[in-house]
């Protein structure tokens, strides 16, 4: 069962079969969002996705970073990532044209950041997520 379908910029439709969401800055007790903290958040999300879904290829969508007009602290300027960190498993039709389309599908685990808690769907999904180069990154598997 799919949770939603996302239409990639390439025109390919992919289905979201598993989704994990967490607050980007949940549990941050001290300090403020800055490049150093955000780099750790991004690399941590990448490690988690690769560890939790080792049988599928993995791709991290580089997050947008905002720099609000706030006074810099000891760790440099304030830098803010979107508020929700996501890891999703997507499936679609096979990538390789020579395989039987009835017996094969393709899969890709993707990590990304988004501003809200909405499940990505259709053409309303984040543009960076919709820009995933499926044909280059996904892997075919036999049903």
Protein backbone atom coordinates (compact mmCIF):
# COMPACT_ATOMS: atom_id res chain seq x y z
CA UNK A 1 0.00 0.00 0.00
CA UNK A 2 1.36 3.41 -0.86
CA UNK A 3 1.04 6.47 1.35
CA UNK A 4 1.09 8.84 -1.61
CA UNK A 5 2.39 9.33 -5.12
CA UNK A 6 4.87 12.03 -6.10
CA UNK A 7 5.28 13.29 -9.65
CA UNK A 8 8.96 13.91 -10.34
CA UNK A 9 10.05 16.78 -12.55
CA UNK A 10 11.10 14.15 -15.11
CA UNK A 11 7.46 13.04 -15.38
CA UNK A 12 7.97 9.73 -13.56
CA UNK A 13 5.44 8.87 -10.87
CA UNK A 14 6.89 7.32 -7.71
CA UNK A 15 4.99 5.91 -4.76
CA UNK A 16 5.89 6.57 -1.16
CA UNK A 17 5.66 3.30 0.79
CA UNK A 18 7.27 4.29 4.09
CA UNK A 19 7.82 7.68 5.71
CA UNK A 20 9.63 8.74 8.87
CA UNK A 21 9.39 12.34 10.01
CA UNK A 22 11.06 14.11 12.90
CA UNK A 23 11.52 17.66 14.10
CA UNK A 24 14.77 19.09 12.76
CA UNK A 25 15.57 20.87 16.00
CA UNK A 26 13.62 18.68 18.43
CA UNK A 27 15.72 18.00 21.50
CA UNK A 28 18.04 20.96 20.94
CA UNK A 29 18.49 22.13 24.51
CA UNK A 30 21.11 24.84 24.12
CA UNK A 31 22.64 26.98 21.45
CA UNK A 32 21.07 28.05 18.21
CA UNK A 33 20.85 26.70 14.66
CA UNK A 34 24.12 27.42 12.87
CA UNK A 35 26.18 25.82 10.10
CA UNK A 36 28.02 23.46 12.45
CA UNK A 37 24.81 22.17 14.09
CA UNK A 38 23.04 21.92 10.74
CA UNK A 39 25.88 19.97 9.14
CA UNK A 40 25.60 17.48 12.01
CA UNK A 41 21.80 17.28 11.54
CA UNK A 42 22.19 16.61 7.81
CA UNK A 43 24.93 13.99 8.22
CA UNK A 44 22.96 12.33 11.04
CA UNK A 45 19.87 12.04 8.84
CA UNK A 46 22.02 10.54 6.08
CA UNK A 47 23.57 7.97 8.44
CA UNK A 48 20.14 7.06 9.84
CA UNK A 49 18.67 6.50 6.37
CA UNK A 50 21.60 4.37 5.22
CA UNK A 51 21.53 2.33 8.45
CA UNK A 52 17.75 1.81 8.60
CA UNK A 53 17.35 0.86 4.93
CA UNK A 54 20.58 -0.92 3.91
CA UNK A 55 19.02 -2.96 1.08
CA UNK A 56 17.99 0.07 -1.00
CA UNK A 57 20.15 2.75 -2.61
CA UNK A 58 20.12 6.02 -0.67
CA UNK A 59 19.98 9.66 -1.73
CA UNK A 60 20.09 12.83 0.37
CA UNK A 61 18.38 15.89 -1.12
CA UNK A 62 20.55 18.86 -0.09
CA UNK A 63 18.45 21.06 2.21
CA UNK A 64 17.76 24.74 1.75
CA UNK A 65 19.36 26.95 4.38
CA UNK A 66 18.01 30.30 5.49
CA UNK A 67 19.93 33.08 7.19
CA UNK A 68 17.55 35.22 9.22
CA UNK A 69 18.62 38.72 10.18
CA UNK A 70 19.72 37.85 13.71
CA UNK A 71 22.87 38.64 15.60
CA UNK A 72 25.57 36.00 15.16
CA UNK A 73 26.61 34.10 18.26
CA UNK A 74 29.78 32.32 19.27
CA UNK A 75 29.31 29.69 16.53
CA UNK A 76 28.76 32.14 13.69
CA UNK A 77 25.64 33.35 11.90
CA UNK A 78 22.21 31.87 12.51
CA UNK A 79 21.41 29.31 9.82
CA UNK A 80 18.03 27.56 9.74
CA UNK A 81 17.03 24.32 8.02
CA UNK A 82 13.39 23.47 7.21
CA UNK A 83 11.61 22.31 10.35
CA UNK A 84 10.88 18.65 9.43
CA UNK A 85 13.49 15.99 8.60
CA UNK A 86 12.16 13.11 6.46
CA UNK A 87 13.29 9.69 5.32
CA UNK A 88 11.09 7.97 2.77
CA UNK A 89 11.17 4.75 0.79
CA UNK A 90 9.92 5.19 -2.76
CA UNK A 91 9.10 2.64 -5.44
CA UNK A 92 8.33 2.95 -9.13
CA UNK A 93 8.39 1.04 -12.37
CA UNK A 94 11.67 -0.53 -13.43
CA UNK A 95 14.47 1.72 -14.64
CA UNK A 96 16.16 -0.74 -17.02
CA UNK A 97 14.22 -1.08 -20.27
CA UNK A 98 15.37 -4.68 -20.86
CA UNK A 99 13.71 -6.15 -17.74
CA UNK A 100 10.17 -7.44 -17.62
CA UNK A 101 8.03 -4.52 -16.32
CA UNK A 102 5.55 -6.94 -14.76
CA UNK A 103 8.22 -8.68 -12.66
CA UNK A 104 10.46 -5.73 -11.78
CA UNK A 105 10.21 -2.45 -9.88
CA UNK A 106 12.73 0.14 -8.79
CA UNK A 107 13.39 1.45 -5.28
CA UNK A 108 15.17 4.40 -3.69
CA UNK A 109 15.42 5.63 -0.11
CA UNK A 110 15.47 9.42 0.07
CA UNK A 111 16.19 11.82 2.94
CA UNK A 112 15.09 15.45 2.74
CA UNK A 113 13.99 18.41 4.83
CA UNK A 114 10.65 20.16 4.38
CA UNK A 115 8.90 23.10 6.05
CA UNK A 116 5.75 21.31 7.24
CA UNK A 117 4.30 17.97 8.34
CA UNK A 118 2.32 17.27 5.17
CA UNK A 119 3.01 14.00 3.40
CA UNK A 120 4.55 14.88 0.01
CA UNK A 121 2.09 14.22 -2.77
CA UNK A 122 1.69 14.79 -6.50
CA UNK A 123 3.01 18.04 -7.85
CA UNK A 124 2.67 19.71 -4.43
CA UNK A 125 5.77 17.96 -3.09
CA UNK A 126 8.89 20.03 -2.44
CA UNK A 127 10.62 21.00 -5.68
CA UNK A 128 13.95 19.59 -4.48
CA UNK A 129 12.31 16.23 -3.76
CA UNK A 130 10.56 16.28 -7.14
CA UNK A 131 13.95 16.89 -8.78
CA UNK A 132 15.42 13.53 -7.69
CA UNK A 133 17.19 11.90 -10.66
CA UNK A 134 15.40 8.55 -10.33
CA UNK A 135 16.87 6.89 -13.41
CA UNK A 136 20.42 7.52 -12.14
CA UNK A 137 19.87 6.74 -8.46
CA UNK A 138 17.23 4.03 -8.13
CA UNK A 139 17.88 0.30 -8.30
CA UNK A 140 15.70 -2.34 -9.94
CA UNK A 141 14.61 -5.42 -8.02
CA UNK A 142 12.61 -8.50 -8.91
CA UNK A 143 9.19 -9.05 -7.34
